[in-house]
C-alpha cells in the first residue's frame, strides 16, 4: 500500500466518521477492494494452471507460480477500521466542487507543499463518482473533502486523493460546519479557490478521473499527471492559454 501518512493536517474535517458507511459509499476504497478480490481469483486460477502444467513442463509451471505469487501479493491487505476512520478524521480538509453533472464530477484543490518555506504548488484532482448521497448534486455545489497525501521525497507531495465527507458521515450539520471551516481557510488564500476550481474545470473539461492539474503559486496551470505517476507532464502554451 502507498504510504499516505507523511504529513500532519493543518485543518481537519471535525466529523466523526462512520466506518460502515465508508465501506459502503467510498468509491475509491471500493475500487481497490475489487481489484484485490480479482487478484485473489487470478492467483487461484494460476495455481491450478501451474498444477496441470507441472505434468508437461516444469518451466511453465514455475512461471505460472511466480505470476500467482505476484497476484497473491496484490491481493493481500485489508483496510482496517482505524485507517478508514483516520482518512476522514485526520486527513486534510480541502475544498471540492461539483464541476460536471454528467458524469458527476468533483474537482478538489490542495496545496502539495510538503515543507514550510517552499513556493506553493496546488493540485486540482478530478474525481468522477457514481453516487453522492446527501448532496444536492448540483453544478458548482461545494463539497468539502478529506485527503491524505502520497509522499515520495523532496519538497512536495506527489499526489493526493479527495474523499467527499458525504461518503464518511450522514451528519449534514457536521459537513456544513466543515464547509464553513473551508470558507474561513479560503479567506487566507491569495485567490478564491472556488473560482480557481471553476476556471481549471473550464480550461480542462476532459481531464479524466484520477488526473491532476498542477498550479504554481499564482494559480497558473503548469503540469498534468495521473495520481499514480511520480512525475508530471508540462503543459503546452496552448493548453495554458485556453
C-alpha atoms as a PDB file:
ATOM      1  CA  UNK A   1       0.000   0.000   0.000  1.00  0.00           C
ATOM      2  CA  UNK A   2       1.199   3.507  -0.770  1.00  0.00           C
ATOM      3  CA  UNK A   3       2.191   5.466   2.316  1.00  0.00           C
ATOM      4  CA  UNK A   4      -0.105   8.481   2.674  1.00  0.00           C
ATOM      5  CA  UNK A   5       0.817   9.270   6.256  1.00  0.00           C
ATOM      6  CA  UNK A   6       3.851  11.530   5.920  1.00  0.00           C
ATOM      7  CA  UNK A   7       2.136  14.757   6.918  1.00  0.00           C
ATOM      8  CA  UNK A   8       0.136  16.328   9.703  1.00  0.00           C
ATOM      9  CA  UNK A   9      -3.050  18.033   8.545  1.00  0.00           C
ATOM     10  CA  UNK A  10      -3.263  21.701   9.465  1.00  0.00           C
ATOM     11  CA  UNK A  11      -7.065  21.637   9.227  1.00  0.00           C
ATOM     12  CA  UNK A  12      -9.167  18.518   9.773  1.00  0.00           C
ATOM     13  CA  UNK A  13     -12.783  17.753   8.947  1.00  0.00           C
ATOM     14  CA  UNK A  14     -14.060  17.627  12.519  1.00  0.00           C
ATOM     15  CA  UNK A  15     -16.542  14.872  11.661  1.00  0.00           C
ATOM     16  CA  UNK A  16     -16.994  11.550  13.424  1.00  0.00           C
ATOM     17  CA  UNK A  17     -16.530   9.077  10.603  1.00  0.00           C
ATOM     18  CA  UNK A  18     -18.944   6.177  10.144  1.00  0.00           C
ATOM     19  CA  UNK A  19     -16.778   3.214   9.117  1.00  0.00           C
ATOM     20  CA  UNK A  20     -19.685   1.110   7.885  1.00  0.00           C
ATOM     21  CA  UNK A  21     -20.801   3.961   5.641  1.00  0.00           C
ATOM     22  CA  UNK A  22     -17.265   4.434   4.326  1.00  0.00           C
ATOM     23  CA  UNK A  23     -17.060   0.761   3.381  1.00  0.00           C
ATOM     24  CA  UNK A  24     -20.372   1.081   1.572  1.00  0.00           C
ATOM     25  CA  UNK A  25     -20.057   4.507  -0.070  1.00  0.00           C
ATOM     26  CA  UNK A  26     -16.371   5.315  -0.589  1.00  0.00           C
ATOM     27  CA  UNK A  27     -15.874   4.521  -4.266  1.00  0.00           C
ATOM     28  CA  UNK A  28     -12.088   4.933  -4.123  1.00  0.00           C
ATOM     29  CA  UNK A  29     -11.763   2.338  -1.364  1.00  0.00           C
ATOM     30  CA  UNK A  30     -14.252   0.006  -3.034  1.00  0.00           C
ATOM     31  CA  UNK A  31     -12.333   0.138  -6.314  1.00  0.00           C
ATOM     32  CA  UNK A  32      -9.179  -1.010  -4.521  1.00  0.00           C
ATOM     33  CA  UNK A  33     -11.087  -3.785  -2.739  1.00  0.00           C
ATOM     34  CA  UNK A  34     -12.490  -5.031  -6.066  1.00  0.00           C
ATOM     35  CA  UNK A  35      -9.001  -5.127  -7.588  1.00  0.00           C
ATOM     36  CA  UNK A  36      -7.731  -7.143  -4.633  1.00  0.00           C
ATOM     37  CA  UNK A  37     -10.587  -9.641  -4.973  1.00  0.00           C
ATOM     38  CA  UNK A  38      -9.884 -10.007  -8.691  1.00  0.00           C
ATOM     39  CA  UNK A  39      -6.193 -10.555  -7.958  1.00  0.00           C
ATOM     40  CA  UNK A  40      -7.078 -13.316  -5.498  1.00  0.00           C
ATOM     41  CA  UNK A  41      -9.224 -15.065  -8.104  1.00  0.00           C
ATOM     42  CA  UNK A  42      -6.455 -14.800 -10.711  1.00  0.00           C
ATOM     43  CA  UNK A  43      -3.962 -16.191  -8.182  1.00  0.00           C
ATOM     44  CA  UNK A  44      -6.101 -19.285  -7.578  1.00  0.00           C
ATOM     45  CA  UNK A  45      -6.548 -19.831 -11.325  1.00  0.00           C
ATOM     46  CA  UNK A  46      -2.808 -19.560 -11.941  1.00  0.00           C
ATOM     47  CA  UNK A  47      -2.035 -22.067  -9.178  1.00  0.00           C
ATOM     48  CA  UNK A  48      -4.475 -24.529 -10.731  1.00  0.00           C
ATOM     49  CA  UNK A  49      -2.913 -23.984 -14.162  1.00  0.00           C
ATOM     50  CA  UNK A  50       0.559 -24.500 -12.677  1.00  0.00           C
ATOM     51  CA  UNK A  51      -0.549 -27.815 -11.192  1.00  0.00           C
ATOM     52  CA  UNK A  52      -1.765 -29.041 -14.565  1.00  0.00           C
ATOM     53  CA  UNK A  53       1.307 -27.675 -16.389  1.00  0.00           C
ATOM     54  CA  UNK A  54       3.673 -29.463 -13.989  1.00  0.00           C
ATOM     55  CA  UNK A  55       2.802 -32.743 -15.721  1.00  0.00           C
ATOM     56  CA  UNK A  56       4.072 -31.396 -19.062  1.00  0.00           C
ATOM     57  CA  UNK A  57       6.628 -28.652 -18.353  1.00  0.00           C
ATOM     58  CA  UNK A  58       8.162 -27.653 -15.016  1.00  0.00           C
ATOM     59  CA  UNK A  59       9.440 -24.401 -16.584  1.00  0.00           C
ATOM     60  CA  UNK A  60       5.904 -23.295 -17.483  1.00  0.00           C
ATOM     61  CA  UNK A  61       4.723 -24.358 -14.025  1.00  0.00           C
ATOM     62  CA  UNK A  62       7.406 -22.217 -12.346  1.00  0.00           C
ATOM     63  CA  UNK A  63       6.444 -19.209 -14.477  1.00  0.00           C
ATOM     64  CA  UNK A  64       2.788 -19.646 -13.538  1.00  0.00           C
ATOM     65  CA  UNK A  65       3.684 -19.984  -9.847  1.00  0.00           C
ATOM     66  CA  UNK A  66       5.691 -16.752  -9.995  1.00  0.00           C
ATOM     67  CA  UNK A  67       2.743 -14.998 -11.632  1.00  0.00           C
ATOM     68  CA  UNK A  68       0.459 -16.432  -8.954  1.00  0.00           C
ATOM     69  CA  UNK A  69       2.739 -15.067  -6.225  1.00  0.00           C
ATOM     70  CA  UNK A  70       2.580 -11.633  -7.845  1.00  0.00           C
ATOM     71  CA  UNK A  71      -1.224 -11.613  -7.817  1.00  0.00           C
ATOM     72  CA  UNK A  72      -1.212 -13.004  -4.274  1.00  0.00           C
ATOM     73  CA  UNK A  73       0.932 -10.035  -3.233  1.00  0.00           C
ATOM     74  CA  UNK A  74      -1.596  -7.699  -4.872  1.00  0.00           C
ATOM     75  CA  UNK A  75      -4.474  -9.414  -3.110  1.00  0.00           C
ATOM     76  CA  UNK A  76      -3.013  -9.281   0.402  1.00  0.00           C
ATOM     77  CA  UNK A  77      -4.054  -6.486   2.733  1.00  0.00           C
ATOM     78  CA  UNK A  78      -7.195  -5.076   4.273  1.00  0.00           C
ATOM     79  CA  UNK A  79      -8.355  -1.590   5.154  1.00  0.00           C
ATOM     80  CA  UNK A  80      -8.704  -1.501   8.918  1.00  0.00           C
ATOM     81  CA  UNK A  81     -11.480   0.423  10.643  1.00  0.00           C
ATOM     82  CA  UNK A  82      -8.832   2.664  12.189  1.00  0.00           C
ATOM     83  CA  UNK A  83      -7.319   3.541   8.807  1.00  0.00           C
ATOM     84  CA  UNK A  84     -10.706   4.343   7.272  1.00  0.00           C
ATOM     85  CA  UNK A  85     -11.670   6.465  10.264  1.00  0.00           C
ATOM     86  CA  UNK A  86      -8.371   8.362  10.159  1.00  0.00           C
ATOM     87  CA  UNK A  87      -8.783   9.028   6.455  1.00  0.00           C
ATOM     88  CA  UNK A  88     -11.819  11.188   7.205  1.00  0.00           C
ATOM     89  CA  UNK A  89     -10.935  12.481  10.670  1.00  0.00           C
ATOM     90  CA  UNK A  90      -7.176  13.043  10.395  1.00  0.00           C
ATOM     91  CA  UNK A  91      -6.832  13.934   6.703  1.00  0.00           C
ATOM     92  CA  UNK A  92      -6.501  17.483   5.430  1.00  0.00           C
ATOM     93  CA  UNK A  93      -9.812  19.284   4.921  1.00  0.00           C
ATOM     94  CA  UNK A  94      -9.858  20.685   1.368  1.00  0.00           C
ATOM     95  CA  UNK A  95     -12.375  22.417  -0.899  1.00  0.00           C
ATOM     96  CA  UNK A  96     -14.120  20.354  -3.525  1.00  0.00           C
ATOM     97  CA  UNK A  97     -16.767  21.359  -6.026  1.00  0.00           C
ATOM     98  CA  UNK A  98     -19.081  19.607  -8.456  1.00  0.00           C
ATOM     99  CA  UNK A  99     -17.829  20.799 -11.839  1.00  0.00           C
ATOM    100  CA  UNK A 100     -19.856  18.436 -14.031  1.00  0.00           C
ATOM    101  CA  UNK A 101     -23.127  16.601 -13.521  1.00  0.00           C
ATOM    102  CA  UNK A 102     -22.751  14.066 -16.375  1.00  0.00           C
ATOM    103  CA  UNK A 103     -20.785  12.180 -15.295  1.00  0.00           C
ATOM    104  CA  UNK A 104     -20.973  13.503 -11.750  1.00  0.00           C
ATOM    105  CA  UNK A 105     -17.526  15.005 -11.274  1.00  0.00           C
ATOM    106  CA  UNK A 106     -15.898  16.645  -8.264  1.00  0.00           C
ATOM    107  CA  UNK A 107     -12.735  18.712  -8.523  1.00  0.00           C
ATOM    108  CA  UNK A 108     -10.790  19.300  -5.314  1.00  0.00           C
ATOM    109  CA  UNK A 109      -7.775  21.519  -4.702  1.00  0.00           C
ATOM    110  CA  UNK A 110      -4.959  21.007  -2.188  1.00  0.00           C
ATOM    111  CA  UNK A 111      -1.555  22.527  -1.508  1.00  0.00           C
ATOM    112  CA  UNK A 112       1.104  19.949  -2.432  1.00  0.00           C
ATOM    113  CA  UNK A 113       3.933  21.550  -0.425  1.00  0.00           C
ATOM    114  CA  UNK A 114       5.476  19.037   1.972  1.00  0.00           C
ATOM    115  CA  UNK A 115       7.686  21.518   3.841  1.00  0.00           C
ATOM    116  CA  UNK A 116       7.420  25.082   5.043  1.00  0.00           C
ATOM    117  CA  UNK A 117       9.286  27.760   3.121  1.00  0.00           C
ATOM    118  CA  UNK A 118       8.775  26.348  -0.373  1.00  0.00           C
ATOM    119  CA  UNK A 119       6.659  28.003  -3.044  1.00  0.00           C
ATOM    120  CA  UNK A 120       3.049  26.858  -3.065  1.00  0.00           C
ATOM    121  CA  UNK A 121       2.072  24.284  -5.658  1.00  0.00           C
ATOM    122  CA  UNK A 122      -1.590  23.341  -5.758  1.00  0.00           C
ATOM    123  CA  UNK A 123      -3.053  20.219  -7.271  1.00  0.00           C
ATOM    124  CA  UNK A 124      -6.569  20.051  -8.721  1.00  0.00           C
ATOM    125  CA  UNK A 125      -7.825  16.461  -8.634  1.00  0.00           C
ATOM    126  CA  UNK A 126     -10.607  15.237 -10.940  1.00  0.00           C
ATOM    127  CA  UNK A 127     -12.867  12.672  -9.251  1.00  0.00           C
ATOM    128  CA  UNK A 128     -15.751  11.073 -11.131  1.00  0.00           C
ATOM    129  CA  UNK A 129     -18.313   9.499  -8.794  1.00  0.00           C
ATOM    130  CA  UNK A 130     -21.385   7.331  -9.263  1.00  0.00           C
ATOM    131  CA  UNK A 131     -23.220   8.469  -6.153  1.00  0.00           C
ATOM    132  CA  UNK A 132     -23.010  11.190  -3.516  1.00  0.00           C
ATOM    133  CA  UNK A 133     -25.849  10.561  -1.098  1.00  0.00           C
ATOM    134  CA  UNK A 134     -26.743  13.622   0.965  1.00  0.00           C
ATOM    135  CA  UNK A 135     -25.504  16.179  -1.550  1.00  0.00           C
ATOM    136  CA  UNK A 136     -27.788  18.098  -3.903  1.00  0.00           C
ATOM    137  CA  UNK A 137     -25.574  17.072  -6.850  1.00  0.00           C
ATOM    138  CA  UNK A 138     -25.913  20.499  -8.455  1.00  0.00           C
ATOM    139  CA  UNK A 139     -23.366  22.177 -10.699  1.00  0.00           C
ATOM    140  CA  UNK A 140     -20.812  24.161  -8.651  1.00  0.00           C
ATOM    141  CA  UNK A 141     -22.099  22.757  -5.364  1.00  0.00           C
ATOM    142  CA  UNK A 142     -19.354  22.967  -2.751  1.00  0.00           C
ATOM    143  CA  UNK A 143     -18.239  19.573  -1.459  1.00  0.00           C
ATOM    144  CA  UNK A 144     -15.769  19.519   1.471  1.00  0.00           C
ATOM    145  CA  UNK A 145     -13.313  16.634   1.214  1.00  0.00           C
ATOM    146  CA  UNK A 146     -10.660  14.969   3.339  1.00  0.00           C
ATOM    147  CA  UNK A 147      -7.394  13.731   1.889  1.00  0.00           C
ATOM    148  CA  UNK A 148      -4.101  12.060   2.685  1.00  0.00           C
ATOM    149  CA  UNK A 149      -1.029  12.782   0.580  1.00  0.00           C
ATOM    150  CA  UNK A 150       1.423  10.437  -1.069  1.00  0.00           C
ATOM    151  CA  UNK A 151       4.999  11.459  -0.271  1.00  0.00           C
ATOM    152  CA  UNK A 152       7.942  10.125  -2.282  1.00  0.00           C
ATOM    153  CA  UNK A 153      10.619  12.524  -1.041  1.00  0.00           C
ATOM    154  CA  UNK A 154      11.535  16.091  -1.896  1.00  0.00           C
ATOM    155  CA  UNK A 155       9.814  19.394  -1.226  1.00  0.00           C
ATOM    156  CA  UNK A 156       6.363  18.385  -2.455  1.00  0.00           C
ATOM    157  CA  UNK A 157       3.871  15.571  -2.054  1.00  0.00           C
ATOM    158  CA  UNK A 158       3.481  13.621  -5.263  1.00  0.00           C
ATOM    159  CA  UNK A 159      -0.309  13.263  -5.162  1.00  0.00           C
ATOM    160  CA  UNK A 160      -3.490  13.085  -3.116  1.00  0.00           C
ATOM    161  CA  UNK A 161      -6.992  11.697  -3.444  1.00  0.00           C
ATOM    162  CA  UNK A 162     -10.029  13.591  -2.126  1.00  0.00           C
ATOM    163  CA  UNK A 163     -12.709  11.716  -0.203  1.00  0.00           C
ATOM    164  CA  UNK A 164     -16.015  13.663  -0.050  1.00  0.00           C
ATOM    165  CA  UNK A 165     -17.248  13.920   3.513  1.00  0.00           C
ATOM    166  CA  UNK A 166     -20.655  12.709   2.318  1.00  0.00           C
ATOM    167  CA  UNK A 167     -19.053   9.267   1.948  1.00  0.00           C
ATOM    168  CA  UNK A 168     -17.955   9.331   5.577  1.00  0.00           C
ATOM    169  CA  UNK A 169     -20.980  10.538   7.513  1.00  0.00           C
ATOM    170  CA  UNK A 170     -24.722  11.185   7.355  1.00  0.00           C
ATOM    171  CA  UNK A 171     -24.335  14.130   9.748  1.00  0.00           C
ATOM    172  CA  UNK A 172     -25.170  17.023   7.427  1.00  0.00           C
ATOM    173  CA  UNK A 173     -24.634  19.534  10.220  1.00  0.00           C
ATOM    174  CA  UNK A 174     -21.050  18.318  10.655  1.00  0.00           C
ATOM    175  CA  UNK A 175     -20.496  18.615   6.905  1.00  0.00           C
ATOM    176  CA  UNK A 176     -21.862  22.170   6.943  1.00  0.00           C
ATOM    177  CA  UNK A 177     -19.501  23.014   9.792  1.00  0.00           C
ATOM    178  CA  UNK A 178     -16.607  21.594   7.802  1.00  0.00           C
ATOM    179  CA  UNK A 179     -17.665  23.700   4.819  1.00  0.00           C
ATOM    180  CA  UNK A 180     -17.694  26.825   6.999  1.00  0.00           C
ATOM    181  CA  UNK A 181     -14.123  25.977   8.036  1.00  0.00           C
ATOM    182  CA  UNK A 182     -13.120  25.611   4.375  1.00  0.00           C
ATOM    183  CA  UNK A 183     -14.648  29.039   3.681  1.00  0.00           C
ATOM    184  CA  UNK A 184     -12.646  30.562   6.528  1.00  0.00           C
ATOM    185  CA  UNK A 185      -9.417  28.990   5.296  1.00  0.00           C
ATOM    186  CA  UNK A 186     -10.148  30.228   1.787  1.00  0.00           C
ATOM    187  CA  UNK A 187     -10.020  33.825   3.013  1.00  0.00           C
ATOM    188  CA  UNK A 188      -6.308  33.354   3.721  1.00  0.00           C
ATOM    189  CA  UNK A 189      -5.514  32.455   0.101  1.00  0.00           C
ATOM    190  CA  UNK A 190      -4.256  34.924  -2.473  1.00  0.00           C
ATOM    191  CA  UNK A 191      -7.125  33.861  -4.730  1.00  0.00           C
ATOM    192  CA  UNK A 192     -10.614  32.498  -4.178  1.00  0.00           C
ATOM    193  CA  UNK A 193     -10.026  28.781  -4.663  1.00  0.00           C
ATOM    194  CA  UNK A 194     -13.675  28.150  -5.519  1.00  0.00           C
ATOM    195  CA  UNK A 195     -13.188  30.363  -8.556  1.00  0.00           C
ATOM    196  CA  UNK A 196      -9.890  28.618  -9.311  1.00  0.00           C
ATOM    197  CA  UNK A 197     -11.717  25.274  -9.398  1.00  0.00           C
ATOM    198  CA  UNK A 198     -14.267  26.658 -11.848  1.00  0.00           C
ATOM    199  CA  UNK A 199     -11.522  28.045 -14.082  1.00  0.00           C
ATOM    200  CA  UNK A 200      -9.495  24.835 -14.114  1.00  0.00           C
ATOM    201  CA  UNK A 201     -12.596  22.728 -14.809  1.00  0.00           C
ATOM    202  CA  UNK A 202     -13.492  25.007 -17.745  1.00  0.00           C
ATOM    203  CA  UNK A 203      -9.928  25.021 -19.054  1.00  0.00           C
ATOM    204  CA  UNK A 204      -9.564  21.227 -18.837  1.00  0.00           C
ATOM    205  CA  UNK A 205     -13.088  19.829 -19.395  1.00  0.00           C
ATOM    206  CA  UNK A 206     -11.819  16.380 -20.394  1.00  0.00           C
ATOM    207  CA  UNK A 207      -9.232  15.965 -17.649  1.00  0.00           C
ATOM    208  CA  UNK A 208     -10.418  12.489 -16.746  1.00  0.00           C
ATOM    209  CA  UNK A 209     -10.879  10.621 -13.497  1.00  0.00           C
ATOM    210  CA  UNK A 210      -7.795  10.368 -11.275  1.00  0.00           C
ATOM    211  CA  UNK A 211      -5.835  13.087 -13.063  1.00  0.00           C
ATOM    212  CA  UNK A 212      -4.432  16.262 -11.531  1.00  0.00           C
ATOM    213  CA  UNK A 213      -3.613  19.687 -12.873  1.00  0.00           C
ATOM    214  CA  UNK A 214      -0.721  21.363 -11.048  1.00  0.00           C
ATOM    215  CA  UNK A 215      -0.806  25.109 -10.395  1.00  0.00           C
ATOM    216  CA  UNK A 216       2.057  27.390  -9.407  1.00  0.00           C
ATOM    217  CA  UNK A 217       1.993  29.901  -6.546  1.00  0.00           C
ATOM    218  CA  UNK A 218      -0.056  32.258  -8.755  1.00  0.00           C
ATOM    219  CA  UNK A 219      -2.577  29.506  -9.552  1.00  0.00           C
ATOM    220  CA  UNK A 220      -1.362  29.240 -13.141  1.00  0.00           C
ATOM    221  CA  UNK A 221      -1.501  25.686 -14.560  1.00  0.00           C
ATOM    222  CA  UNK A 222       1.894  24.234 -15.464  1.00  0.00           C
ATOM    223  CA  UNK A 223       1.604  20.434 -15.322  1.00  0.00           C
ATOM    224  CA  UNK A 224      -0.654  17.398 -15.571  1.00  0.00           C
ATOM    225  CA  UNK A 225      -0.288  13.943 -14.033  1.00  0.00           C
ATOM    226  CA  UNK A 226      -2.196  10.861 -13.019  1.00  0.00           C
ATOM    227  CA  UNK A 227      -2.260  10.426  -9.260  1.00  0.00           C
ATOM    228  CA  UNK A 228      -0.336   7.142  -9.563  1.00  0.00           C
ATOM    229  CA  UNK A 229       2.511   8.730 -11.540  1.00  0.00           C
ATOM    230  CA  UNK A 230       5.607  10.089  -9.817  1.00  0.00           C
ATOM    231  CA  UNK A 231       6.310  12.743 -12.431  1.00  0.00           C
ATOM    232  CA  UNK A 232       4.129  15.254 -14.243  1.00  0.00           C
ATOM    233  CA  UNK A 233       3.982  16.293 -17.886  1.00  0.00           C
ATOM    234  CA  UNK A 234       4.487  20.016 -18.544  1.00  0.00           C
ATOM    235  CA  UNK A 235       1.506  21.709 -20.161  1.00  0.00           C
ATOM    236  CA  UNK A 236       1.850  23.253 -23.587  1.00  0.00           C
ATOM    237  CA  UNK A 237       1.452  27.012 -24.010  1.00  0.00           C
ATOM    238  CA  UNK A 238      -1.744  26.325 -25.940  1.00  0.00           C
ATOM    239  CA  UNK A 239      -3.242  24.368 -23.031  1.00  0.00           C
ATOM    240  CA  UNK A 240      -2.313  27.055 -20.507  1.00  0.00           C
ATOM    241  CA  UNK A 241      -3.713  29.903 -22.606  1.00  0.00           C
ATOM    242  CA  UNK A 242      -7.158  28.361 -23.165  1.00  0.00           C
END
